[in-house]
């Protein structure tokens, strides 16, 4: 069983930055694509970004493009989501997810079999 654990969420002021971490246990993270999703109260889980096994390919939702950066350090078995220029609408529970490499899909929660429990990011205005 592959487990991922998120950390780094906290309260931050608008315009600030945070870096979320996603650590893996049970298996080597380098074998998996990693994705970040978020879910605000009363809303559906939303795709944020994903990264290939080597980190050579990264993809972002339009809502975070240019502000968020996904990366990974396979030697540390950890992936990251650097979030800059945070806005109140970025407030959500942020989830890390893992999946086997695939050519298609990746923006739907159903595409990802392994999930963490989330880390809360709150952006105050």
C-alpha atoms as a PDB file:
ATOM      1  CA  UNK A   1       0.000   0.000   0.000  1.00  0.00           C
ATOM      2  CA  UNK A   2       1.345   3.377  -0.973  1.00  0.00           C
ATOM      3  CA  UNK A   3       0.828   6.150   1.511  1.00  0.00           C
ATOM      4  CA  UNK A   4       1.454   9.842   1.053  1.00  0.00           C
ATOM      5  CA  UNK A   5       1.438  12.438   3.803  1.00  0.00           C
ATOM      6  CA  UNK A   6       1.054  16.160   3.267  1.00  0.00           C
ATOM      7  CA  UNK A   7       2.489  18.879   5.468  1.00  0.00           C
ATOM      8  CA  UNK A   8       3.165  22.601   5.426  1.00  0.00           C
ATOM      9  CA  UNK A   9      -0.316  24.069   5.443  1.00  0.00           C
ATOM     10  CA  UNK A  10      -0.995  27.046   7.675  1.00  0.00           C
ATOM     11  CA  UNK A  11      -2.595  30.466   7.930  1.00  0.00           C
ATOM     12  CA  UNK A  12      -0.971  33.062   5.696  1.00  0.00           C
ATOM     13  CA  UNK A  13      -1.826  36.588   4.599  1.00  0.00           C
ATOM     14  CA  UNK A  14      -2.837  37.400   1.042  1.00  0.00           C
ATOM     15  CA  UNK A  15       0.219  37.880  -1.129  1.00  0.00           C
ATOM     16  CA  UNK A  16       2.258  35.496   0.971  1.00  0.00           C
ATOM     17  CA  UNK A  17       3.880  32.173   0.151  1.00  0.00           C
ATOM     18  CA  UNK A  18       3.807  28.614   1.425  1.00  0.00           C
ATOM     19  CA  UNK A  19       5.529  25.398   0.464  1.00  0.00           C
ATOM     20  CA  UNK A  20       3.615  22.170   0.895  1.00  0.00           C
ATOM     21  CA  UNK A  21       5.384  18.835   1.103  1.00  0.00           C
ATOM     22  CA  UNK A  22       4.223  15.377   0.138  1.00  0.00           C
ATOM     23  CA  UNK A  23       6.214  12.531   1.628  1.00  0.00           C
ATOM     24  CA  UNK A  24       5.778   8.889   0.692  1.00  0.00           C
ATOM     25  CA  UNK A  25       6.007   5.740   2.717  1.00  0.00           C
ATOM     26  CA  UNK A  26       5.611   2.157   1.679  1.00  0.00           C
ATOM     27  CA  UNK A  27       7.045   2.628  -1.801  1.00  0.00           C
ATOM     28  CA  UNK A  28       9.534   4.726  -3.680  1.00  0.00           C
ATOM     29  CA  UNK A  29       7.910   7.960  -4.751  1.00  0.00           C
ATOM     30  CA  UNK A  30       9.985   8.098  -7.917  1.00  0.00           C
ATOM     31  CA  UNK A  31       7.838   5.362  -9.441  1.00  0.00           C
ATOM     32  CA  UNK A  32       4.721   7.537  -9.380  1.00  0.00           C
ATOM     33  CA  UNK A  33       3.268  10.645 -10.901  1.00  0.00           C
ATOM     34  CA  UNK A  34       2.378  13.088  -8.130  1.00  0.00           C
ATOM     35  CA  UNK A  35      -0.600  15.395  -8.166  1.00  0.00           C
ATOM     36  CA  UNK A  36      -1.937  18.142  -5.946  1.00  0.00           C
ATOM     37  CA  UNK A  37      -5.644  18.802  -5.519  1.00  0.00           C
ATOM     38  CA  UNK A  38      -7.574  21.104  -3.239  1.00  0.00           C
ATOM     39  CA  UNK A  39     -11.055  21.237  -1.795  1.00  0.00           C
ATOM     40  CA  UNK A  40     -12.746  24.275  -0.334  1.00  0.00           C
ATOM     41  CA  UNK A  41     -15.785  23.925   1.954  1.00  0.00           C
ATOM     42  CA  UNK A  42     -18.903  23.144  -0.040  1.00  0.00           C
ATOM     43  CA  UNK A  43     -16.983  22.662  -3.276  1.00  0.00           C
ATOM     44  CA  UNK A  44     -15.752  19.681  -5.245  1.00  0.00           C
ATOM     45  CA  UNK A  45     -12.143  18.575  -5.129  1.00  0.00           C
ATOM     46  CA  UNK A  46     -10.206  20.608  -7.684  1.00  0.00           C
ATOM     47  CA  UNK A  47      -7.103  19.740  -9.677  1.00  0.00           C
ATOM     48  CA  UNK A  48      -4.103  21.989  -9.013  1.00  0.00           C
ATOM     49  CA  UNK A  49      -0.969  20.503 -10.569  1.00  0.00           C
ATOM     50  CA  UNK A  50       0.844  17.281 -11.430  1.00  0.00           C
ATOM     51  CA  UNK A  51       4.392  16.167 -12.137  1.00  0.00           C
ATOM     52  CA  UNK A  52       5.968  13.244 -13.953  1.00  0.00           C
ATOM     53  CA  UNK A  53       8.216  10.689 -12.294  1.00  0.00           C
ATOM     54  CA  UNK A  54      11.440  12.501 -13.162  1.00  0.00           C
ATOM     55  CA  UNK A  55      10.037  16.014 -12.774  1.00  0.00           C
ATOM     56  CA  UNK A  56      10.688  16.777 -16.424  1.00  0.00           C
ATOM     57  CA  UNK A  57       7.005  17.393 -17.130  1.00  0.00           C
ATOM     58  CA  UNK A  58       4.745  19.595 -15.017  1.00  0.00           C
ATOM     59  CA  UNK A  59       1.182  20.704 -15.604  1.00  0.00           C
ATOM     60  CA  UNK A  60      -1.004  23.269 -13.866  1.00  0.00           C
ATOM     61  CA  UNK A  61      -4.602  24.366 -13.573  1.00  0.00           C
ATOM     62  CA  UNK A  62      -5.177  27.771 -15.145  1.00  0.00           C
ATOM     63  CA  UNK A  63      -6.156  29.173 -11.751  1.00  0.00           C
ATOM     64  CA  UNK A  64      -2.653  28.637 -10.319  1.00  0.00           C
ATOM     65  CA  UNK A  65      -0.441  28.868 -13.399  1.00  0.00           C
ATOM     66  CA  UNK A  66       2.360  31.361 -12.831  1.00  0.00           C
ATOM     67  CA  UNK A  67       1.834  31.382  -9.054  1.00  0.00           C
ATOM     68  CA  UNK A  68       2.321  27.759  -8.012  1.00  0.00           C
ATOM     69  CA  UNK A  69       5.262  25.480  -8.776  1.00  0.00           C
ATOM     70  CA  UNK A  70       5.244  21.717  -8.399  1.00  0.00           C
ATOM     71  CA  UNK A  71       8.547  19.909  -7.956  1.00  0.00           C
ATOM     72  CA  UNK A  72       9.991  16.725  -6.526  1.00  0.00           C
ATOM     73  CA  UNK A  73      13.151  15.413  -4.938  1.00  0.00           C
ATOM     74  CA  UNK A  74      13.201  11.684  -5.515  1.00  0.00           C
ATOM     75  CA  UNK A  75      16.311  11.278  -3.383  1.00  0.00           C
ATOM     76  CA  UNK A  76      14.240  12.537  -0.442  1.00  0.00           C
ATOM     77  CA  UNK A  77      11.130  10.654  -1.547  1.00  0.00           C
ATOM     78  CA  UNK A  78       9.249  13.948  -1.381  1.00  0.00           C
ATOM     79  CA  UNK A  79       7.278  16.226  -3.690  1.00  0.00           C
ATOM     80  CA  UNK A  80       6.510  19.889  -3.157  1.00  0.00           C
ATOM     81  CA  UNK A  81       4.023  22.558  -4.065  1.00  0.00           C
ATOM     82  CA  UNK A  82       5.440  26.068  -3.837  1.00  0.00           C
ATOM     83  CA  UNK A  83       2.601  28.560  -3.634  1.00  0.00           C
ATOM     84  CA  UNK A  84       3.301  32.249  -4.197  1.00  0.00           C
ATOM     85  CA  UNK A  85       1.050  35.288  -4.408  1.00  0.00           C
ATOM     86  CA  UNK A  86      -1.593  33.467  -2.395  1.00  0.00           C
ATOM     87  CA  UNK A  87      -5.125  34.817  -2.476  1.00  0.00           C
ATOM     88  CA  UNK A  88      -8.133  34.167  -0.219  1.00  0.00           C
ATOM     89  CA  UNK A  89      -9.665  32.016  -2.966  1.00  0.00           C
ATOM     90  CA  UNK A  90      -6.727  29.628  -2.559  1.00  0.00           C
ATOM     91  CA  UNK A  91      -8.041  28.707   0.882  1.00  0.00           C
ATOM     92  CA  UNK A  92      -8.712  24.965   0.896  1.00  0.00           C
ATOM     93  CA  UNK A  93      -7.655  21.582   2.154  1.00  0.00           C
ATOM     94  CA  UNK A  94      -4.761  20.561  -0.094  1.00  0.00           C
ATOM     95  CA  UNK A  95      -4.289  16.921  -0.992  1.00  0.00           C
ATOM     96  CA  UNK A  96      -1.348  15.052  -2.438  1.00  0.00           C
ATOM     97  CA  UNK A  97      -2.091  12.088  -4.691  1.00  0.00           C
ATOM     98  CA  UNK A  98      -0.047   9.434  -6.481  1.00  0.00           C
ATOM     99  CA  UNK A  99      -0.656   7.288  -9.546  1.00  0.00           C
ATOM    100  CA  UNK A 100       1.301   5.003 -11.816  1.00  0.00           C
ATOM    101  CA  UNK A 101       2.691   6.729 -14.915  1.00  0.00           C
ATOM    102  CA  UNK A 102       0.068   7.130 -17.613  1.00  0.00           C
ATOM    103  CA  UNK A 103      -0.211   8.933 -20.914  1.00  0.00           C
ATOM    104  CA  UNK A 104      -3.762  10.149 -20.439  1.00  0.00           C
ATOM    105  CA  UNK A 105      -5.783  11.578 -17.620  1.00  0.00           C
ATOM    106  CA  UNK A 106      -4.590  13.210 -14.438  1.00  0.00           C
ATOM    107  CA  UNK A 107      -6.960  16.111 -13.861  1.00  0.00           C
ATOM    108  CA  UNK A 108      -9.772  14.123 -12.280  1.00  0.00           C
ATOM    109  CA  UNK A 109      -9.616  12.810  -8.701  1.00  0.00           C
ATOM    110  CA  UNK A 110     -10.772   9.415  -9.992  1.00  0.00           C
ATOM    111  CA  UNK A 111      -7.504   9.164 -11.991  1.00  0.00           C
ATOM    112  CA  UNK A 112      -5.516   8.957  -8.736  1.00  0.00           C
ATOM    113  CA  UNK A 113      -5.700   5.833  -6.534  1.00  0.00           C
ATOM    114  CA  UNK A 114      -3.500   6.971  -3.641  1.00  0.00           C
ATOM    115  CA  UNK A 115      -4.305   9.961  -1.440  1.00  0.00           C
ATOM    116  CA  UNK A 116      -3.107  11.678   1.674  1.00  0.00           C
ATOM    117  CA  UNK A 117      -5.399  13.152   4.310  1.00  0.00           C
ATOM    118  CA  UNK A 118      -4.733  16.748   3.354  1.00  0.00           C
ATOM    119  CA  UNK A 119      -3.168  19.849   4.869  1.00  0.00           C
ATOM    120  CA  UNK A 120      -5.149  23.039   5.492  1.00  0.00           C
ATOM    121  CA  UNK A 121      -4.147  26.267   3.778  1.00  0.00           C
ATOM    122  CA  UNK A 122      -5.957  29.405   4.889  1.00  0.00           C
ATOM    123  CA  UNK A 123      -5.282  32.742   3.222  1.00  0.00           C
ATOM    124  CA  UNK A 124      -6.544  35.815   5.039  1.00  0.00           C
ATOM    125  CA  UNK A 125      -7.375  39.053   3.251  1.00  0.00           C
END
